[in-house]
Amino acid sequence: MRLGAVNTVGFGNMRELRMVSGKGFIKFSLLALLLLSAGMSVAQDELRRTFFKDADAARAAADALDARLLSPRAYSAGADDYEDAEEGLERGRNIEYVRRKTSDAEANFKQAAETAELAKTVLAQVMKSRQDAANARAPELAREVWDKAQREFGNAIRYLERGDLKNAQKNDIEATTFYRDAELIAIKAQYLNETRQLMADANRARVDRFAPITYGKAHQLLADAERELKENRYDTDLPRSLARQANYEAKHAIYLSEVVRSVRDKDLTVEDLVLQWEE
């Protein structure tokens, strides 16, 4: 009985040993996989630093020159090559493929930077006009003219990327004209739209018939504000003041026309009017 008991205990210990051994093997396997994965990750990071270093530097230089805008074709080609290289590295493709793609990306980013640098000189006029229009909120307040300017600007950039300076400068002139028009429209919209709407309301109410003097004054002030903005769009103090005065006179004319209508229709007597003024 004792021998059987001893044998039973022995078999149980052997099972426990096998279970312990099995767990240890699993832990060891997991550890080995983790170490292998970590090693592969470190190796991949090292490869990335090696192959992407020059492409990263070229891309940073292109970004600093706003090449995405000023040389979109070359920049886009560089970005595509860069993405292909990253994908190739992640999927474990041939190292020569990754090396070739990063080299192509570097070359395209450098080309984009060169074109962007040239654009800043050749297209300096249109770029300033574009920024001025954007600052005046032209994309929002003069959308139609802004879009025309953008199309001409895009054409100028495409010609420049092809090395056709003559046509690039031709489109530069056309785009500049549209940008400046868009800027002026946007500036006028900021200062004069409310007054224009009031004058339109006054016209519909035939205010010029019942309060012609005040209406005429508002109309003249609005015209003066528009003239000042056209002649000197960057000195907005006077046009802003004229627009405020025109706004006030337009409201004043609408009010006076209502009073005159009330007197005409005998809803308000002259005596009532005088008493109100005295109060």
Protein backbone atom coordinates (compact mmCIF):
# COMPACT_ATOMS: atom_id res chain seq x y z
CA MET A 1 0.00 0.00 0.00
CA ARG A 2 2.82 2.31 0.88
CA LEU A 3 4.55 1.48 -2.36
CA GLY A 4 1.41 2.26 -4.32
CA ALA A 5 1.04 5.45 -2.38
CA VAL A 6 4.62 6.32 -3.12
CA ASN A 7 4.09 5.61 -6.80
CA THR A 8 0.93 7.72 -6.85
CA VAL A 9 2.74 10.60 -5.25
CA GLY A 10 5.55 10.19 -7.71
CA PHE A 11 3.24 10.30 -10.69
CA GLY A 12 1.54 13.39 -9.28
CA ASN A 13 4.87 15.12 -8.84
CA MET A 14 5.80 14.24 -12.39
CA ARG A 15 2.56 15.79 -13.68
CA GLU A 16 3.21 18.91 -11.62
CA LEU A 17 6.74 19.06 -12.95
CA ARG A 18 5.46 18.75 -16.50
CA MET A 19 2.90 21.52 -15.86
CA VAL A 20 5.56 23.73 -14.34
CA SER A 21 7.87 22.94 -17.21
CA GLY A 22 5.09 23.73 -19.69
CA LYS A 23 4.37 27.10 -18.09
CA GLY A 24 8.04 27.90 -18.05
CA PHE A 25 8.32 27.06 -21.72
CA ILE A 26 5.38 29.33 -22.54
CA LYS A 27 6.90 32.16 -20.51
CA PHE A 28 10.23 31.60 -22.18
CA SER A 29 8.62 31.59 -25.62
CA LEU A 30 6.72 34.80 -24.89
CA LEU A 31 9.89 36.43 -23.59
CA ALA A 32 11.77 35.32 -26.66
CA LEU A 33 9.06 36.74 -28.91
CA LEU A 34 9.08 40.03 -27.02
CA LEU A 35 12.85 40.27 -27.27
CA LEU A 36 12.72 39.39 -30.96
CA SER A 37 9.98 41.98 -31.55
CA ALA A 38 11.92 44.61 -29.60
CA GLY A 39 15.03 43.75 -31.53
CA MET A 40 13.18 44.07 -34.83
CA SER A 41 11.69 47.40 -33.72
CA VAL A 42 15.13 48.73 -32.75
CA ALA A 43 16.55 47.49 -36.04
CA GLN A 44 13.68 49.09 -37.97
CA ASP A 45 14.16 52.40 -36.13
CA GLU A 46 17.84 52.31 -36.94
CA LEU A 47 17.11 51.61 -40.61
CA ARG A 48 14.61 54.47 -40.66
CA ARG A 49 17.12 56.90 -39.21
CA THR A 50 19.68 55.77 -41.76
CA PHE A 51 17.53 55.88 -44.89
CA PHE A 52 15.14 58.73 -44.07
CA LYS A 53 17.60 61.23 -42.59
CA ASP A 54 18.35 63.08 -45.82
CA ALA A 55 14.73 62.90 -47.05
CA ASP A 56 13.52 64.34 -43.71
CA ALA A 57 15.99 67.22 -43.97
CA ALA A 58 14.97 67.94 -47.58
CA ARG A 59 11.28 67.89 -46.63
CA ALA A 60 11.85 70.27 -43.70
CA ALA A 61 13.69 72.68 -46.01
CA ALA A 62 10.84 72.52 -48.55
CA ASP A 63 8.24 73.14 -45.84
CA ALA A 64 10.18 76.18 -44.63
CA LEU A 65 9.87 77.65 -48.13
CA ASP A 66 6.13 76.86 -48.38
CA ALA A 67 6.87 74.48 -51.25
CA ARG A 68 3.56 72.66 -50.82
CA LEU A 69 1.92 75.83 -52.20
CA LEU A 70 4.67 77.12 -54.49
CA SER A 71 5.79 73.85 -56.06
CA PRO A 72 2.88 71.44 -55.58
CA ARG A 73 3.83 68.97 -58.32
CA ALA A 74 7.37 68.27 -57.09
CA TYR A 75 6.32 68.39 -53.43
CA SER A 76 3.47 65.92 -54.02
CA ALA A 77 5.81 63.55 -55.87
CA GLY A 78 8.24 63.72 -52.94
CA ALA A 79 5.46 63.03 -50.44
CA ASP A 80 4.31 60.00 -52.48
CA ASP A 81 7.84 58.58 -52.62
CA TYR A 82 8.28 59.17 -48.90
CA GLU A 83 5.03 57.36 -48.12
CA ASP A 84 6.02 54.43 -50.36
CA ALA A 85 9.35 54.18 -48.53
CA GLU A 86 7.65 54.16 -45.12
CA GLU A 87 5.19 51.50 -46.23
CA GLY A 88 7.99 49.42 -47.74
CA LEU A 89 9.99 49.56 -44.50
CA GLU A 90 6.98 48.58 -42.39
CA ARG A 91 6.19 45.62 -44.65
CA GLY A 92 9.78 44.44 -44.72
CA ARG A 93 10.35 45.03 -48.42
CA ASN A 94 13.76 44.89 -50.03
CA ILE A 95 16.16 47.43 -48.51
CA GLU A 96 17.17 48.66 -51.96
CA TYR A 97 13.52 49.56 -52.64
CA VAL A 98 13.35 51.63 -49.45
CA ARG A 99 16.71 53.26 -50.24
CA ARG A 100 15.56 54.14 -53.78
CA LYS A 101 12.24 55.59 -52.64
CA THR A 102 13.83 57.79 -49.95
CA SER A 103 16.41 58.95 -52.48
CA ASP A 104 13.61 59.86 -54.93
CA ALA A 105 11.72 61.66 -52.15
CA GLU A 106 14.83 63.65 -51.25
CA ALA A 107 15.37 64.67 -54.88
CA ASN A 108 11.75 65.76 -55.32
CA PHE A 109 11.70 67.75 -52.08
CA LYS A 110 14.92 69.50 -53.11
CA GLN A 111 13.41 70.32 -56.51
CA ALA A 112 10.29 71.67 -54.77
CA ALA A 113 12.44 73.85 -52.52
CA GLU A 114 14.35 75.27 -55.50
CA THR A 115 11.13 76.09 -57.36
CA ALA A 116 9.60 77.65 -54.23
CA GLU A 117 12.68 79.81 -53.77
CA LEU A 118 12.41 80.95 -57.39
CA ALA A 119 8.69 81.64 -56.96
CA LYS A 120 9.35 83.94 -54.02
CA THR A 121 11.38 86.12 -56.40
CA VAL A 122 9.52 85.75 -59.71
CA LEU A 123 6.04 85.83 -58.17
CA ALA A 124 6.75 88.24 -55.31
CA GLN A 125 4.10 90.73 -56.46
CA VAL A 126 1.23 88.27 -56.67
CA MET A 127 2.19 86.62 -53.38
CA LYS A 128 2.01 89.95 -51.56
CA SER A 129 -1.36 90.73 -53.16
CA ARG A 130 -2.59 87.27 -52.21
CA GLN A 131 -1.61 87.77 -48.57
CA ASP A 132 -3.19 91.25 -48.46
CA ALA A 133 -6.45 89.84 -49.85
CA ALA A 134 -6.40 86.98 -47.35
CA ASN A 135 -5.82 89.44 -44.49
CA ALA A 136 -8.88 91.41 -45.65
CA ARG A 137 -10.95 88.16 -45.44
CA ALA A 138 -11.41 88.01 -49.22
CA PRO A 139 -11.95 84.21 -49.24
CA GLU A 140 -15.02 84.87 -47.10
CA LEU A 141 -16.24 88.28 -48.31
CA ALA A 142 -15.23 88.21 -52.00
CA ARG A 143 -15.36 84.51 -52.78
CA GLU A 144 -16.04 84.71 -56.52
CA VAL A 145 -13.17 87.08 -57.33
CA TRP A 146 -10.87 85.30 -54.87
CA ASP A 147 -11.49 82.00 -56.69
CA LYS A 148 -10.61 83.62 -60.04
CA ALA A 149 -7.38 84.90 -58.52
CA GLN A 150 -6.59 81.46 -57.12
CA ARG A 151 -7.02 79.85 -60.55
CA GLU A 152 -4.64 82.35 -62.18
CA PHE A 153 -2.17 81.93 -59.33
CA GLY A 154 -2.30 78.14 -59.78
CA ASN A 155 -1.62 78.57 -63.51
CA ALA A 156 1.37 80.80 -62.75
CA ILE A 157 2.78 78.16 -60.40
CA ARG A 158 2.31 75.38 -62.98
CA TYR A 159 4.12 77.39 -65.66
CA LEU A 160 6.91 78.16 -63.22
CA GLU A 161 7.36 74.46 -62.40
CA ARG A 162 7.71 73.78 -66.12
CA GLY A 163 10.34 76.51 -66.44
CA ASP A 164 8.07 78.76 -68.55
CA LEU A 165 8.81 82.11 -66.90
CA LYS A 166 7.07 84.17 -69.59
CA ASN A 167 3.65 82.59 -69.08
CA ALA A 168 4.21 82.40 -65.32
CA GLN A 169 4.67 86.17 -65.17
CA LYS A 170 1.67 86.72 -67.44
CA ASN A 171 -0.58 84.78 -65.07
CA ASP A 172 1.13 86.54 -62.17
CA ILE A 173 -0.18 89.88 -63.48
CA GLU A 174 -3.71 88.57 -63.99
CA ALA A 175 -3.81 86.93 -60.56
CA THR A 176 -2.50 90.11 -58.92
CA THR A 177 -5.33 92.13 -60.48
CA PHE A 178 -7.95 89.69 -59.21
CA TYR A 179 -6.42 89.54 -55.73
CA ARG A 180 -6.40 93.33 -55.44
CA ASP A 181 -10.02 93.49 -56.64
CA ALA A 182 -10.99 90.84 -54.11
CA GLU A 183 -9.17 92.71 -51.36
CA LEU A 184 -11.02 95.97 -52.14
CA ILE A 185 -14.39 94.21 -52.29
CA ALA A 186 -13.67 92.59 -48.92
CA ILE A 187 -12.60 95.87 -47.32
CA LYS A 188 -15.72 97.62 -48.60
CA ALA A 189 -17.84 94.76 -47.35
CA GLN A 190 -16.39 95.12 -43.86
CA TYR A 191 -17.12 98.84 -43.65
CA LEU A 192 -20.00 99.54 -46.03
CA ASN A 193 -22.29 96.51 -46.26
CA GLU A 194 -24.52 97.55 -43.38
CA THR A 195 -24.94 101.07 -44.77
CA ARG A 196 -25.63 99.72 -48.26
CA GLN A 197 -28.36 97.50 -46.82
CA LEU A 198 -29.89 100.48 -44.99
CA MET A 199 -29.85 102.52 -48.21
CA ALA A 200 -31.51 99.64 -50.06
CA ASP A 201 -34.21 99.51 -47.37
CA ALA A 202 -34.63 103.28 -47.67
CA ASN A 203 -35.03 103.01 -51.46
CA ARG A 204 -37.72 100.37 -51.10
CA ALA A 205 -39.54 102.61 -48.59
CA ARG A 206 -39.22 105.62 -50.97
CA VAL A 207 -37.45 107.58 -48.25
CA ASP A 208 -35.97 109.92 -50.87
CA ARG A 209 -39.49 111.23 -51.48
CA PHE A 210 -40.33 112.00 -47.84
CA ALA A 211 -36.90 112.93 -46.44
CA PRO A 212 -34.86 113.93 -49.50
CA ILE A 213 -32.34 116.16 -47.70
CA THR A 214 -31.28 113.57 -45.12
CA TYR A 215 -31.42 110.74 -47.65
CA GLY A 216 -29.22 112.74 -50.02
CA LYS A 217 -26.73 113.37 -47.23
CA ALA A 218 -26.53 109.63 -46.44
CA HIS A 219 -26.09 108.81 -50.12
CA GLN A 220 -23.25 111.33 -50.50
CA LEU A 221 -21.46 110.09 -47.36
CA LEU A 222 -21.61 106.50 -48.64
CA ALA A 223 -20.19 107.58 -52.01
CA ASP A 224 -17.40 109.50 -50.24
CA ALA A 225 -16.53 106.45 -48.13
CA GLU A 226 -16.35 104.24 -51.23
CA ARG A 227 -14.15 106.76 -53.02
CA GLU A 228 -11.76 107.02 -50.08
CA LEU A 229 -11.45 103.26 -49.82
CA LYS A 230 -10.74 102.95 -53.53
CA GLU A 231 -8.10 105.69 -53.49
CA ASN A 232 -6.37 104.59 -50.30
CA ARG A 233 -7.60 101.23 -49.10
CA TYR A 234 -5.03 100.91 -46.32
CA ASP A 235 -5.89 104.18 -44.57
CA THR A 236 -9.32 103.16 -43.34
CA ASP A 237 -9.84 105.72 -40.56
CA LEU A 238 -11.59 108.30 -42.75
CA PRO A 239 -13.70 105.81 -44.76
CA ARG A 240 -14.75 104.12 -41.52
CA SER A 241 -15.85 107.48 -40.09
CA LEU A 242 -17.71 108.38 -43.29
CA ALA A 243 -19.42 104.99 -43.30
CA ARG A 244 -20.57 105.48 -39.71
CA GLN A 245 -21.97 108.90 -40.58
CA ALA A 246 -23.71 107.51 -43.67
CA ASN A 247 -25.15 104.71 -41.55
CA TYR A 248 -26.53 107.22 -39.06
CA GLU A 249 -28.00 109.49 -41.75
CA ALA A 250 -29.63 106.53 -43.51
CA LYS A 251 -31.37 105.53 -40.27
CA HIS A 252 -32.21 109.18 -39.65
CA ALA A 253 -33.77 109.50 -43.12
CA ILE A 254 -35.87 106.36 -42.57
CA TYR A 255 -37.10 107.73 -39.23
CA LEU A 256 -37.91 111.16 -40.69
CA SER A 257 -39.78 109.63 -43.62
CA GLU A 258 -42.01 107.76 -41.16
CA VAL A 259 -42.73 111.00 -39.30
CA VAL A 260 -43.56 112.82 -42.55
CA ARG A 261 -45.85 109.97 -43.61
CA SER A 262 -47.65 110.15 -40.27
CA VAL A 263 -48.20 113.90 -40.65
CA ARG A 264 -49.36 113.44 -44.23
CA ASP A 265 -51.80 110.70 -43.22
CA LYS A 266 -52.97 112.84 -40.27
CA ASP A 267 -51.92 110.19 -37.77
CA LEU A 268 -49.75 112.89 -36.27
CA THR A 269 -50.56 116.59 -36.16
CA VAL A 270 -48.00 119.36 -36.44
CA GLU A 271 -48.86 120.30 -32.85
CA ASP A 272 -48.13 116.71 -31.71
CA LEU A 273 -44.85 116.86 -33.50
CA VAL A 274 -43.84 120.16 -31.90
CA LEU A 275 -44.81 118.88 -28.45
CA GLN A 276 -42.65 115.80 -28.94
CA TRP A 277 -39.72 117.98 -29.94
CA GLU A 278 -40.23 120.19 -26.90
CA GLU A 279 -40.15 117.16 -24.64
